[in-house]
Every structure is written in structure tokens, then in C-alpha cells.
N, C-alpha and C. Protein backbone atom coordinates (compact mmCIF):
# COMPACT_ATOMS: atom_id res chain seq x y z
N MET A 1 -5.96 -16.15 22.34
CA MET A 1 -6.49 -15.76 20.81
C MET A 1 -7.35 -14.49 20.37
N ASP A 2 -6.63 -13.89 19.01
CA ASP A 2 -7.05 -12.37 19.02
C ASP A 2 -8.03 -12.82 18.02
N ASP A 3 -9.36 -11.32 17.68
CA ASP A 3 -10.10 -11.66 17.25
C ASP A 3 -9.47 -12.58 15.00
N VAL A 4 -9.12 -11.95 14.97
CA VAL A 4 -8.27 -12.20 13.74
C VAL A 4 -7.81 -14.01 13.96
N GLU A 5 -7.51 -14.31 14.32
CA GLU A 5 -6.47 -15.68 14.72
C GLU A 5 -8.12 -16.67 15.45
N ARG A 6 -9.46 -15.89 15.97
CA ARG A 6 -10.22 -16.80 16.00
C ARG A 6 -11.61 -16.96 14.69
N ALA A 7 -11.27 -15.40 14.22
CA ALA A 7 -11.78 -15.53 12.59
C ALA A 7 -10.99 -16.37 11.82
N VAL A 8 -9.28 -16.35 11.01
CA VAL A 8 -8.96 -17.61 11.02
C VAL A 8 -9.87 -19.14 11.19
N GLU A 9 -9.28 -19.56 12.42
CA GLU A 9 -10.17 -20.96 13.26
C GLU A 9 -11.74 -20.85 12.19
N ALA A 10 -12.43 -19.71 12.34
CA ALA A 10 -14.17 -20.62 12.69
C ALA A 10 -14.54 -20.33 10.48
N TYR A 11 -12.97 -20.07 10.62
CA TYR A 11 -12.74 -20.01 8.75
C TYR A 11 -13.00 -21.62 8.58
N HIS A 12 -11.41 -22.33 8.90
CA HIS A 12 -11.56 -23.38 9.07
C HIS A 12 -12.12 -24.39 9.09
N GLU A 13 -12.82 -23.79 10.64
CA GLU A 13 -14.01 -24.86 11.00
C GLU A 13 -15.27 -24.96 10.03
N LEU A 14 -15.41 -23.57 9.35
CA LEU A 14 -16.75 -23.80 7.77
C LEU A 14 -16.92 -23.83 6.87
N CYS A 15 -15.64 -24.21 6.80
CA CYS A 15 -14.59 -25.52 5.09
C CYS A 15 -14.95 -27.10 5.52
N ALA A 16 -14.04 -27.00 6.75
CA ALA A 16 -14.53 -28.32 7.11
C ALA A 16 -16.37 -28.92 7.42
N TYR A 17 -17.38 -27.92 7.72
CA TYR A 17 -18.11 -28.31 7.50
C TYR A 17 -18.74 -27.75 6.05
N THR A 18 -18.24 -26.95 5.59
CA THR A 18 -19.33 -26.84 3.91
C THR A 18 -18.69 -28.51 2.81
N LEU A 19 -17.61 -28.21 2.76
CA LEU A 19 -16.47 -29.70 2.30
C LEU A 19 -17.86 -30.09 2.24
N SER A 20 -17.88 -30.96 4.01
CA SER A 20 -17.92 -32.68 4.13
C SER A 20 -19.79 -33.22 3.87
N ARG A 21 -20.21 -32.25 3.59
CA ARG A 21 -21.68 -31.38 2.89
C ARG A 21 -21.35 -32.46 1.52
N GLY A 22 -20.80 -32.30 0.90
CA GLY A 22 -21.51 -33.08 -0.68
C GLY A 22 -22.45 -31.97 -1.20
N ASP A 23 -22.61 -31.25 -0.84
CA ASP A 23 -23.94 -30.25 -1.68
C ASP A 23 -23.28 -29.49 -2.91
N PRO A 24 -24.54 -30.28 -3.89
CA PRO A 24 -24.28 -29.77 -5.01
C PRO A 24 -24.38 -28.31 -5.66
N ALA A 25 -25.12 -27.79 -4.98
CA ALA A 25 -25.13 -26.19 -5.26
C ALA A 25 -23.82 -25.30 -4.51
N PHE A 26 -23.09 -26.45 -3.93
CA PHE A 26 -21.51 -25.89 -3.44
C PHE A 26 -21.34 -24.24 -2.86
N LEU A 27 -22.11 -24.54 -1.43
CA LEU A 27 -22.37 -23.48 -0.73
C LEU A 27 -21.32 -23.07 -0.05
N HIS A 28 -19.98 -23.98 -0.26
CA HIS A 28 -18.50 -23.29 0.02
C HIS A 28 -18.26 -22.89 -0.92
N GLN A 29 -17.74 -22.49 -2.10
CA GLN A 29 -17.63 -21.31 -3.00
C GLN A 29 -18.14 -19.78 -1.82
N HIS A 30 -19.06 -19.75 -1.60
CA HIS A 30 -19.81 -18.17 -0.52
C HIS A 30 -19.08 -18.08 0.26
N VAL A 31 -18.06 -19.15 0.90
CA VAL A 31 -17.75 -19.25 2.38
C VAL A 31 -16.23 -18.79 2.00
N VAL A 32 -15.83 -19.69 1.15
CA VAL A 32 -14.01 -18.53 0.41
C VAL A 32 -14.17 -17.26 -0.47
N ASP A 33 -15.58 -16.76 -0.71
CA ASP A 33 -15.69 -16.14 -1.49
C ASP A 33 -15.86 -14.31 -0.11
N ALA A 34 -16.40 -15.06 0.65
CA ALA A 34 -17.00 -13.81 1.53
C ALA A 34 -15.30 -13.27 2.42
N PHE A 35 -14.63 -14.34 2.42
CA PHE A 35 -13.72 -14.44 4.02
C PHE A 35 -12.61 -13.63 2.40
N ALA A 36 -12.53 -14.11 2.29
CA ALA A 36 -11.37 -13.80 0.97
C ALA A 36 -10.83 -12.00 0.94
N ALA A 37 -12.46 -11.56 0.18
CA ALA A 37 -12.96 -10.35 0.13
C ALA A 37 -12.70 -9.68 1.53
N GLN A 38 -13.09 -9.64 2.71
CA GLN A 38 -12.96 -9.70 3.96
C GLN A 38 -11.99 -9.68 4.56
N ARG A 39 -10.77 -10.01 4.22
CA ARG A 39 -9.16 -10.26 5.03
C ARG A 39 -8.50 -9.82 3.75
N ALA A 40 -9.10 -9.46 2.20
CA ALA A 40 -8.24 -8.39 1.65
C ALA A 40 -6.98 -7.60 1.62
N SER A 41 -6.28 -7.44 1.54
CA SER A 41 -5.48 -5.89 1.88
C SER A 41 -4.50 -5.77 0.87
N VAL A 42 -3.49 -5.21 0.77
CA VAL A 42 -3.10 -4.38 -0.45
C VAL A 42 -1.99 -4.46 -0.85
N GLU A 43 -1.41 -6.23 -0.31
CA GLU A 43 -1.08 -7.02 -0.35
C GLU A 43 -1.33 -8.22 -1.35
N SER A 44 -2.95 -8.41 -1.13
CA SER A 44 -3.55 -9.38 -1.90
C SER A 44 -3.28 -9.21 -2.81
N LYS A 45 -3.87 -10.61 -3.50
CA LYS A 45 -3.25 -10.64 -5.94
C LYS A 45 -4.70 -9.84 -5.95
N PRO A 46 -4.51 -9.02 -6.52
CA PRO A 46 -5.79 -8.68 -7.61
C PRO A 46 -6.87 -9.61 -8.09
N ILE A 47 -6.26 -10.97 -8.95
CA ILE A 47 -7.00 -11.58 -9.18
C ILE A 47 -8.14 -12.66 -8.06
N GLY A 48 -7.11 -12.08 -6.90
CA GLY A 48 -8.33 -12.88 -5.94
C GLY A 48 -9.32 -12.10 -5.33
N VAL A 49 -8.52 -11.25 -5.38
CA VAL A 49 -10.26 -10.01 -4.75
C VAL A 49 -11.02 -9.62 -5.92
N THR A 50 -10.78 -9.98 -7.39
CA THR A 50 -12.09 -9.81 -8.54
C THR A 50 -12.25 -10.87 -8.19
N MET A 51 -11.73 -11.99 -7.84
CA MET A 51 -12.77 -13.35 -8.18
C MET A 51 -13.49 -13.39 -6.57
N ALA A 52 -13.14 -12.89 -5.61
CA ALA A 52 -13.87 -12.90 -4.25
C ALA A 52 -15.60 -12.19 -5.12
N LEU A 53 -15.46 -10.88 -4.81
CA LEU A 53 -16.08 -9.49 -5.04
C LEU A 53 -17.80 -10.33 -6.33
N VAL A 54 -16.61 -10.84 -7.46
CA VAL A 54 -17.68 -11.39 -8.74
C VAL A 54 -17.55 -12.92 -7.89
N GLY A 55 -17.70 -13.75 -7.59
CA GLY A 55 -18.90 -14.47 -6.59
C GLY A 55 -19.29 -14.17 -5.51
N LEU A 56 -18.89 -13.07 -4.91
CA LEU A 56 -20.31 -11.98 -3.84
C LEU A 56 -21.19 -11.68 -4.63
N TYR A 57 -21.11 -10.76 -6.36
CA TYR A 57 -22.01 -10.13 -6.42
C TYR A 57 -23.06 -11.39 -7.57
N LEU A 58 -22.52 -12.01 -8.34
CA LEU A 58 -23.05 -13.15 -8.91
C LEU A 58 -23.71 -13.87 -8.05
N HIS A 59 -23.79 -13.85 -6.50
CA HIS A 59 -24.55 -14.61 -5.10
C HIS A 59 -25.93 -13.68 -4.90
N THR A 60 -25.36 -12.94 -4.29
CA THR A 60 -26.20 -12.58 -3.51
C THR A 60 -27.04 -11.04 -4.50
N GLU A 61 -26.62 -10.56 -6.08
CA GLU A 61 -27.06 -10.26 -6.48
C GLU A 61 -28.19 -10.43 -7.34
N ARG A 62 -27.27 -12.13 -8.74
CA ARG A 62 -27.67 -12.41 -9.00
C ARG A 62 -28.89 -13.53 -9.17
N GLY A 63 -28.01 -14.47 -7.04
CA GLY A 63 -28.90 -15.33 -7.06
C GLY A 63 -28.16 -17.10 -7.87
N PHE A 64 -27.05 -16.85 -7.96
CA PHE A 64 -26.01 -17.74 -8.52
C PHE A 64 -25.48 -19.32 -7.48
N THR A 65 -25.80 -20.43 -6.88
CA THR A 65 -24.95 -21.26 -6.47
C THR A 65 -23.49 -21.07 -6.47
N GLY A 66 -22.63 -21.56 -5.99
CA GLY A 66 -21.97 -21.71 -5.87
C GLY A 66 -21.67 -22.38 -7.01
N ARG A 67 -21.81 -23.43 -7.68
CA ARG A 67 -21.42 -24.02 -8.52
C ARG A 67 -21.62 -23.53 -9.90
N ARG A 68 -22.10 -22.76 -10.21
CA ARG A 68 -22.38 -21.34 -11.35
C ARG A 68 -21.02 -20.48 -11.32
N VAL A 69 -20.97 -19.51 -9.54
CA VAL A 69 -19.77 -18.76 -9.88
C VAL A 69 -18.52 -19.25 -9.84
N GLN A 70 -18.44 -20.87 -9.27
CA GLN A 70 -16.81 -20.85 -9.90
C GLN A 70 -17.33 -21.52 -11.29
N ARG A 71 -17.51 -22.41 -12.36
CA ARG A 71 -17.69 -21.70 -13.88
C ARG A 71 -17.26 -21.24 -14.41
N VAL A 72 -18.25 -19.75 -13.97
CA VAL A 72 -17.89 -17.75 -14.14
C VAL A 72 -16.09 -17.94 -13.85
N HIS A 73 -15.91 -18.33 -12.79
CA HIS A 73 -14.22 -17.68 -12.03
C HIS A 73 -13.69 -18.67 -13.25
N MET A 74 -14.15 -20.13 -12.97
CA MET A 74 -13.42 -20.85 -14.05
C MET A 74 -13.07 -20.21 -15.25
N GLN A 75 -14.08 -19.42 -16.07
CA GLN A 75 -14.23 -19.00 -17.38
C GLN A 75 -13.92 -17.42 -17.75
N LEU A 76 -12.77 -16.61 -16.85
CA LEU A 76 -12.47 -15.49 -16.39
C LEU A 76 -11.04 -15.41 -16.47
N ALA A 77 -11.10 -16.64 -15.71
CA ALA A 77 -9.70 -17.55 -14.77
C ALA A 77 -9.08 -17.20 -17.10
N ARG A 78 -9.60 -17.80 -17.31
CA ARG A 78 -8.96 -18.22 -18.88
C ARG A 78 -8.58 -17.79 -19.33
N GLN A 79 -8.62 -16.03 -18.98
CA GLN A 79 -8.69 -15.03 -20.02
C GLN A 79 -7.39 -14.58 -19.63
N LYS A 80 -5.70 -14.20 -20.27
CA LYS A 80 -4.88 -13.39 -19.53
C LYS A 80 -5.48 -11.31 -19.89
N ARG A 81 -5.21 -10.97 -18.61
CA ARG A 81 -5.57 -9.40 -18.75
C ARG A 81 -5.29 -9.62 -17.48
N ARG A 82 -5.02 -7.90 -17.33
CA ARG A 82 -4.66 -7.35 -16.45
C ARG A 82 -5.66 -7.15 -15.25
N TRP A 83 -5.84 -7.51 -14.28
CA TRP A 83 -7.14 -7.31 -13.52
C TRP A 83 -6.99 -6.20 -12.26
N PRO A 84 -8.16 -5.76 -12.58
CA PRO A 84 -8.09 -3.73 -11.50
C PRO A 84 -8.46 -4.25 -10.18
N ALA A 85 -7.30 -3.16 -9.93
CA ALA A 85 -7.42 -3.11 -8.39
C ALA A 85 -9.11 -2.34 -7.82
N PHE A 86 -9.29 -3.10 -6.91
CA PHE A 86 -11.00 -2.53 -6.30
C PHE A 86 -10.97 -1.86 -4.90
N THR A 87 -11.71 -0.80 -4.06
CA THR A 87 -11.13 -0.01 -3.35
C THR A 87 -11.70 -1.24 -1.97
N LEU A 88 -10.78 -1.78 -0.83
CA LEU A 88 -11.02 -1.95 0.30
C LEU A 88 -11.62 -1.35 0.98
N PRO A 89 -12.37 -1.16 1.36
CA PRO A 89 -13.38 -0.19 2.80
C PRO A 89 -12.67 -0.65 4.28
N ASP A 90 -13.00 -0.38 5.02
CA ASP A 90 -12.02 0.16 6.46
C ASP A 90 -13.66 -1.54 6.85
N ASP A 91 -14.44 -0.89 6.80
CA ASP A 91 -15.87 -2.01 7.36
C ASP A 91 -15.62 -3.27 6.63
N ARG A 92 -15.40 -4.05 6.72
CA ARG A 92 -15.63 -5.35 5.62
C ARG A 92 -16.60 -6.19 5.61
N GLY A 93 -18.53 -5.75 6.84
CA GLY A 93 -19.08 -5.98 6.82
C GLY A 93 -19.33 -6.65 8.62
N SER A 94 -20.62 -6.55 8.76
CA SER A 94 -20.89 -7.12 9.61
C SER A 94 -20.88 -8.56 10.59
N MET A 95 -21.14 -9.21 9.74
CA MET A 95 -20.40 -11.32 10.53
C MET A 95 -18.66 -11.60 10.01
N THR A 96 -19.04 -12.02 10.47
CA THR A 96 -17.32 -13.07 10.74
C THR A 96 -17.39 -14.55 10.02
N ALA A 97 -16.41 -14.85 9.73
CA ALA A 97 -17.18 -16.45 10.28
C ALA A 97 -17.31 -17.44 11.80
N VAL A 98 -16.54 -16.44 12.69
CA VAL A 98 -17.05 -16.33 13.71
C VAL A 98 -18.79 -16.72 13.41
N GLU A 99 -19.54 -16.08 12.95
CA GLU A 99 -21.50 -15.75 13.45
C GLU A 99 -21.87 -16.51 12.53
N VAL A 100 -21.48 -16.55 11.68
CA VAL A 100 -22.17 -17.81 11.03
C VAL A 100 -21.10 -19.42 11.03
N MET A 101 -20.23 -19.55 12.78
CA MET A 101 -20.13 -21.17 13.04
C MET A 101 -20.96 -20.84 13.77
N ALA A 102 -21.67 -19.46 15.30
CA ALA A 102 -21.62 -19.81 16.17
C ALA A 102 -24.11 -20.60 15.41
N ALA A 103 -24.59 -20.78 14.58
CA ALA A 103 -25.08 -20.70 14.51
C ALA A 103 -25.41 -22.50 14.64
N PRO A 104 -26.59 -22.58 14.76
CA PRO A 104 -26.53 -24.05 14.32
C PRO A 104 -26.06 -24.20 13.19
N GLU A 105 -25.44 -25.78 12.90
CA GLU A 105 -25.55 -26.73 12.56
C GLU A 105 -27.02 -26.97 11.23
N GLY A 106 -26.53 -26.54 9.31
CA GLY A 106 -28.00 -26.53 8.83
C GLY A 106 -27.98 -25.78 8.66
N PRO A 107 -29.57 -25.91 8.01
CA PRO A 107 -30.01 -24.50 7.63
C PRO A 107 -29.95 -23.44 9.05
N GLU A 108 -29.61 -23.42 9.48
CA GLU A 108 -30.04 -21.78 10.16
C GLU A 108 -28.32 -21.70 9.45
N ARG A 109 -27.06 -22.27 10.20
CA ARG A 109 -25.80 -21.87 9.80
C ARG A 109 -25.86 -21.78 8.44
N ASP A 110 -26.54 -22.25 7.46
CA ASP A 110 -26.79 -21.86 5.79
C ASP A 110 -27.10 -20.50 5.35
N ARG A 111 -27.87 -20.22 5.92
CA ARG A 111 -28.72 -18.60 6.15
C ARG A 111 -27.80 -17.98 6.36
N ALA A 112 -26.93 -18.05 7.25
CA ALA A 112 -26.15 -17.87 7.99
C ALA A 112 -25.24 -16.85 7.12
N ILE A 113 -24.59 -18.30 6.56
CA ILE A 113 -23.43 -18.19 5.28
C ILE A 113 -23.77 -17.08 4.01
N HIS A 114 -24.38 -17.41 3.78
CA HIS A 114 -25.39 -16.50 2.58
C HIS A 114 -25.55 -15.07 3.66
N ALA A 115 -26.01 -15.25 4.73
CA ALA A 115 -25.77 -13.53 4.78
C ALA A 115 -24.87 -12.59 5.53
N TRP A 116 -23.45 -13.99 5.18
CA TRP A 116 -22.06 -12.88 5.52
C TRP A 116 -21.91 -12.55 3.93
N ALA A 117 -22.13 -13.39 3.64
CA ALA A 117 -21.77 -12.72 1.97
C ALA A 117 -22.18 -12.08 1.85
N ASP A 118 -24.19 -11.45 2.37
CA ASP A 118 -24.74 -10.41 1.87
C ASP A 118 -23.89 -9.49 2.34
N SER A 119 -23.13 -9.70 4.17
CA SER A 119 -23.39 -8.67 4.62
C SER A 119 -21.42 -8.04 3.93
N VAL A 120 -20.25 -8.94 3.57
CA VAL A 120 -19.62 -8.50 3.24
C VAL A 120 -19.42 -7.72 1.20
N TRP A 121 -20.29 -8.59 0.71
CA TRP A 121 -20.25 -7.71 -0.89
C TRP A 121 -20.77 -6.26 -0.07
N GLN A 122 -22.31 -5.89 0.75
CA GLN A 122 -22.95 -4.68 1.14
C GLN A 122 -21.46 -3.84 1.40
N ALA A 123 -20.63 -3.72 2.39
CA ALA A 123 -19.34 -3.08 2.86
C ALA A 123 -18.81 -3.45 1.62
N PHE A 124 -19.17 -3.42 0.35
CA PHE A 124 -17.73 -3.45 -0.81
C PHE A 124 -18.81 -2.41 -1.70
N SER A 125 -19.78 -1.78 -1.15
CA SER A 125 -20.78 -0.75 -2.59
C SER A 125 -19.81 -0.13 -2.83
N ALA A 126 -18.80 0.51 -3.34
CA ALA A 126 -17.93 1.02 -3.72
C ALA A 126 -17.69 0.29 -5.57
N ASN A 127 -17.59 -0.86 -5.04
CA ASN A 127 -16.81 -1.82 -5.99
C ASN A 127 -18.49 -2.32 -6.90
N HIS A 128 -19.23 -2.14 -6.63
CA HIS A 128 -20.20 -3.06 -7.40
C HIS A 128 -20.31 -2.21 -8.84
N GLY A 129 -19.92 -1.15 -9.26
CA GLY A 129 -20.43 -1.16 -10.52
C GLY A 129 -19.43 -1.62 -11.11
N ALA A 130 -17.66 -1.32 -10.62
CA ALA A 130 -16.96 -2.12 -11.09
C ALA A 130 -17.20 -3.77 -11.65
N VAL A 131 -17.50 -4.25 -10.40
CA VAL A 131 -16.95 -5.78 -10.78
C VAL A 131 -18.80 -6.05 -11.91
N ALA A 132 -19.98 -5.49 -11.58
CA ALA A 132 -20.36 -5.62 -12.48
C ALA A 132 -20.48 -5.21 -14.54
N ALA A 133 -19.53 -4.25 -13.97
CA ALA A 133 -19.30 -3.54 -15.68
C ALA A 133 -18.21 -4.67 -16.25
N LEU A 134 -17.21 -5.16 -15.55
CA LEU A 134 -16.32 -6.40 -15.96
C LEU A 134 -17.50 -7.03 -16.54
N LEU A 135 -17.85 -7.97 -15.27
CA LEU A 135 -18.84 -9.37 -15.87
C LEU A 135 -19.05 -8.83 -17.47
N ARG A 136 -19.95 -7.99 -17.20
CA ARG A 136 -20.68 -7.53 -18.92
C ARG A 136 -18.70 -7.23 -19.97
N GLU A 137 -18.40 -6.62 -19.54
CA GLU A 137 -16.84 -7.27 -20.30
C GLU A 137 -16.36 -8.58 -20.84
N HIS A 138 -16.91 -9.03 -19.55
CA HIS A 138 -16.44 -10.08 -20.33
C HIS A 138 -17.57 -11.79 -20.62
N ASP A 139 -18.60 -10.63 -21.13
CA ASP A 139 -20.02 -11.43 -21.71
C ASP A 139 -20.55 -12.41 -20.40
N VAL A 140 -20.39 -12.18 -19.15
CA VAL A 140 -20.92 -13.58 -18.08
C VAL A 140 -22.07 -12.47 -18.46
N LEU A 141 -23.01 -11.75 -18.46
CA LEU A 141 -23.32 -11.23 -17.34
C LEU A 141 -25.11 -11.39 -19.04
């Protein structure tokens, strides 16, 4: 199994872990956003990349829970518009779902999810200003 296959498998295991917890803060959203941004390609739909980066920004820079991020995603998705094309960096962060799944279940794994989201967000640093501007434009901030 190669690194990509391992990361996808770990992502699916991580989804099962976060969804089975019934977490009111919806930690699962950060997993989805980190994975989507980390795996984005030129073939990815702009709305998907946008939502992933918005979610990472709101979580890492503004401290939003996954549930609050999800509400912003719904608010933005209702707007008909052309979504921006973001710069996709070669380096997508120092962590993957594989490292997150290696952490023991519970608080340690939860901290690893937050660290993963932060790692991916920092890798997209060239886009930070554009994401914040998009949210200001749509009166989210």
C-alpha cells in the first residue's frame, strides 16, 4: 500500500472515529476540511477547495467549532457565485490522517486533529488573505 492509499484509509478510519462520538462541537468537520485541502488538485471543484480553506481558517484563526464552521459553509453555499481559484502549494503540511490515527483515541487524537488542521492551514499561507477577504465580502466576519 502506498502513502496515498494509507492516507485515504486513515481518513476513512478517522471519519468513523469522529462520527461515532456524537460530539456536539462536530470535530468531524475539521477532519473533512483538512483532508479536502490536503488532497485538492487542479481538477478539484473550486467550491470544495474554498469550503475547506474557509473551514480551516475559521477553526485555526477564529476558534470556530466544527458546528459553527458547518453553519458558515451552509451560508456561503446558498450564494450563487463563481468561487475563487486558490493557489495549491506543493507542501500541504507536516501531518496527514495517518499521523492523526496513530494518536490514542480520546483527547490525544482530538489534539492531533487540531494540529493536523493547523498544519494544513499553515501550508496554504499564500491564501490566508484571500480567504479572510472572501469571508468579509460575504459578511461572515
